[in-house]
Amino acid sequence: MATIKDEDFHYGAALKQVADDKRFKSINAEWERGSKSRCAFRINAGIGLYIKMGTEPKTNFQHYTFNFKRENLEEIRSLSKRCTEGTYIVMVCLKDRETCVITSRHLERLILRRGEGDMGEDTQYNLQVHLEDGQRFRVYMNRRNSKKLVVDKIKIVPRNAFPKIIFKSPGRS
């Protein structure tokens, strides 16, 4: 019998939100090169979910930081190729007990606009998620070597966007 890891609870919180939707039919863990992914899932066969977890807001800016290493990006790209109905990045903000979602296309656009090409030069990219009481999520990526300048305009994400956005037609933003 496998032991339950802490992150299983947090991923499970996001997956329960999906399972509670009336359009939900099935969930499968994604496999890549013979290994089961910790973060990637396929919903209703054609929808990809890549779940990341942040424990609490960090720094003076009070935002959650979600790190995407090259291997994470490769896994997301592979998942996107197999999922015809879109792939979504789900960020569980643990302390606030909230779930933020963007499309994988949006993450790719931020990386490209950062001016580093397809895979970029960095070994890791940080997505920032800011949440204030009573407001929507603010999602952004900082410019290289800057904590104050953002790559693109800040994306505003409603708190109730997840999971309903994943059951709509493939996202463009």
Protein backbone atom coordinates (compact mmCIF):
# COMPACT_ATOMS: atom_id res chain seq x y z
CA MET A 1 0.00 0.00 0.00
CA ALA A 2 1.33 3.44 -0.92
CA THR A 3 1.67 6.14 1.69
CA ILE A 4 -0.24 9.38 1.29
CA LYS A 5 1.94 12.42 0.69
CA ASP A 6 1.00 15.96 1.78
CA GLU A 7 0.78 17.16 -1.83
CA ASP A 8 -1.76 14.41 -2.54
CA PHE A 9 -4.21 16.26 -0.31
CA HIS A 10 -3.63 19.56 -2.09
CA TYR A 11 -3.88 18.08 -5.59
CA GLY A 12 -6.95 16.23 -4.37
CA ALA A 13 -8.60 19.52 -3.38
CA ALA A 14 -8.31 20.77 -6.96
CA LEU A 15 -9.40 17.45 -8.43
CA LYS A 16 -12.46 17.34 -6.15
CA GLN A 17 -13.57 20.70 -7.57
CA VAL A 18 -13.39 19.14 -11.03
CA ALA A 19 -15.21 15.97 -9.94
CA ASP A 20 -18.04 18.04 -8.45
CA ASP A 21 -18.85 19.59 -11.85
CA LYS A 22 -21.75 17.90 -13.68
CA ARG A 23 -19.68 17.80 -16.92
CA PHE A 24 -17.00 15.64 -15.27
CA LYS A 25 -16.79 12.07 -16.56
CA SER A 26 -13.29 10.73 -15.86
CA ILE A 27 -9.83 11.49 -14.55
CA ASN A 28 -6.57 9.78 -15.34
CA ALA A 29 -3.05 10.39 -14.16
CA GLU A 30 -0.71 11.19 -17.04
CA TRP A 31 2.22 8.96 -17.81
CA GLU A 32 5.40 10.13 -19.51
CA ARG A 33 8.12 7.70 -20.59
CA GLY A 34 6.84 4.95 -18.31
CA SER A 35 6.53 7.14 -15.19
CA LYS A 36 3.40 8.55 -13.63
CA SER A 37 3.38 12.33 -13.35
CA ARG A 38 2.97 13.96 -9.95
CA CYS A 39 1.23 17.01 -11.41
CA ALA A 40 -0.40 16.13 -14.75
CA PHE A 41 -3.88 14.72 -15.19
CA ARG A 42 -6.29 14.21 -18.02
CA ILE A 43 -9.97 15.05 -17.50
CA ASN A 44 -12.68 13.53 -19.73
CA ALA A 45 -9.88 12.25 -22.00
CA GLY A 46 -9.33 15.58 -23.80
CA ILE A 47 -8.65 18.18 -21.07
CA GLY A 48 -5.19 18.50 -19.54
CA LEU A 49 -4.59 19.74 -15.99
CA TYR A 50 -1.19 20.55 -14.58
CA ILE A 51 -1.48 21.24 -10.84
CA LYS A 52 1.05 23.21 -8.80
CA MET A 53 0.83 24.06 -5.11
CA GLY A 54 1.95 27.15 -3.18
CA THR A 55 1.88 27.00 0.61
CA GLU A 56 1.73 30.72 1.45
CA PRO A 57 2.39 34.19 0.01
CA LYS A 58 6.06 35.15 0.00
CA THR A 59 8.17 38.33 0.14
CA ASN A 60 7.09 41.92 0.68
CA PHE A 61 4.85 41.67 -2.38
CA GLN A 62 2.71 38.99 -0.67
CA HIS A 63 2.30 36.78 -3.72
CA TYR A 64 2.43 33.06 -4.20
CA THR A 65 5.32 31.92 -6.36
CA PHE A 66 4.91 28.90 -8.59
CA ASN A 67 8.15 27.57 -10.03
CA PHE A 68 8.27 25.95 -13.45
CA LYS A 69 11.51 24.16 -14.24
CA ARG A 70 12.39 22.99 -17.74
CA GLU A 71 11.14 19.49 -16.98
CA ASN A 72 7.79 20.95 -15.86
CA LEU A 73 7.50 22.89 -19.12
CA GLU A 74 8.38 19.81 -21.16
CA GLU A 75 5.70 17.84 -19.32
CA ILE A 76 3.11 20.60 -19.90
CA ARG A 77 3.99 20.76 -23.61
CA SER A 78 3.71 17.00 -23.94
CA LEU A 79 0.34 17.03 -22.15
CA SER A 80 -0.88 19.85 -24.43
CA LYS A 81 -0.10 17.80 -27.53
CA ARG A 82 -2.29 14.96 -26.27
CA CYS A 83 -5.21 17.06 -25.00
CA THR A 84 -7.44 18.30 -27.79
CA GLU A 85 -9.73 20.35 -25.54
CA GLY A 86 -7.06 22.50 -23.92
CA THR A 87 -4.51 22.30 -21.14
CA TYR A 88 -4.73 24.34 -17.97
CA ILE A 89 -2.32 25.29 -15.23
CA VAL A 90 -4.04 25.02 -11.84
CA MET A 91 -2.36 26.79 -8.92
CA VAL A 92 -3.54 25.84 -5.44
CA CYS A 93 -2.97 28.74 -3.03
CA LEU A 94 -2.96 26.72 0.14
CA LYS A 95 -3.02 29.37 2.90
CA ASP A 96 -5.93 31.22 1.26
CA ARG A 97 -7.66 27.95 0.28
CA GLU A 98 -8.19 29.24 -3.25
CA THR A 99 -7.50 27.79 -6.69
CA CYS A 100 -6.30 29.92 -9.62
CA VAL A 101 -6.25 28.74 -13.24
CA ILE A 102 -4.69 29.92 -16.50
CA THR A 103 -4.26 28.23 -19.85
CA SER A 104 -0.99 26.60 -20.79
CA ARG A 105 -0.98 28.98 -23.76
CA HIS A 106 -0.85 31.93 -21.41
CA LEU A 107 2.14 30.48 -19.56
CA GLU A 108 3.90 29.87 -22.90
CA ARG A 109 3.16 33.44 -24.00
CA LEU A 110 4.70 34.85 -20.83
CA ILE A 111 7.85 32.82 -21.36
CA LEU A 112 8.10 33.91 -25.00
CA ARG A 113 7.46 37.57 -24.18
CA ARG A 114 10.19 37.40 -21.63
CA GLY A 115 12.36 37.39 -24.72
CA GLU A 116 14.16 34.12 -24.30
CA GLY A 117 12.84 32.05 -27.18
CA ASP A 118 11.16 28.66 -27.10
CA MET A 119 12.82 27.04 -24.09
CA GLY A 120 14.54 30.13 -22.80
CA GLU A 121 17.89 30.44 -21.17
CA ASP A 122 16.69 30.10 -17.62
CA THR A 123 16.39 26.76 -15.88
CA GLN A 124 13.31 27.95 -13.99
CA TYR A 125 10.46 30.42 -14.51
CA ASN A 126 8.41 31.85 -11.67
CA LEU A 127 4.75 32.65 -12.04
CA GLN A 128 3.44 35.09 -9.43
CA VAL A 129 -0.13 34.94 -8.13
CA HIS A 130 -1.34 37.81 -5.98
CA LEU A 131 -4.61 37.66 -4.06
CA GLU A 132 -6.12 40.37 -1.88
CA ASP A 133 -9.29 40.06 0.16
CA GLY A 134 -12.39 40.44 -1.97
CA GLN A 135 -10.44 40.80 -5.22
CA ARG A 136 -9.62 38.62 -8.19
CA PHE A 137 -6.30 36.89 -8.70
CA ARG A 138 -3.50 38.86 -10.36
CA VAL A 139 -1.20 36.54 -12.33
CA TYR A 140 2.09 37.70 -13.81
CA MET A 141 5.70 36.87 -14.51
CA ASN A 142 8.51 39.26 -13.70
CA ARG A 143 11.04 40.34 -16.26
CA ARG A 144 14.42 38.74 -16.04
CA ASN A 145 16.48 40.10 -13.12
CA SER A 146 13.59 42.30 -11.91
CA LYS A 147 11.10 42.00 -9.08
CA LYS A 148 9.11 45.09 -10.06
CA LEU A 149 8.75 44.94 -13.85
CA VAL A 150 6.33 42.44 -15.36
CA VAL A 151 6.68 40.65 -18.70
CA ASP A 152 3.18 41.32 -20.02
CA LYS A 153 0.09 42.97 -18.65
CA ILE A 154 -1.13 41.43 -15.42
CA LYS A 155 -3.82 38.80 -16.04
CA ILE A 156 -6.93 39.15 -13.90
CA VAL A 157 -8.52 35.80 -13.05
CA PRO A 158 -11.89 35.52 -11.27
CA ARG A 159 -11.84 33.44 -8.10
CA ASN A 160 -14.59 31.22 -9.47
CA ALA A 161 -12.92 30.55 -12.86
CA PHE A 162 -11.86 27.05 -11.82
CA PRO A 163 -13.12 24.50 -12.66
CA LYS A 164 -15.77 25.88 -15.02
CA ILE A 165 -13.19 27.29 -17.49
CA ILE A 166 -11.78 23.84 -18.23
CA PHE A 167 -15.14 22.59 -19.50
CA LYS A 168 -15.47 25.40 -22.05
CA SER A 169 -13.93 25.21 -25.50
CA PRO A 170 -10.09 25.45 -25.57
CA GLY A 171 -8.81 28.67 -24.00
CA ARG A 172 -7.02 31.26 -26.07
CA SER A 173 -5.55 33.58 -23.45
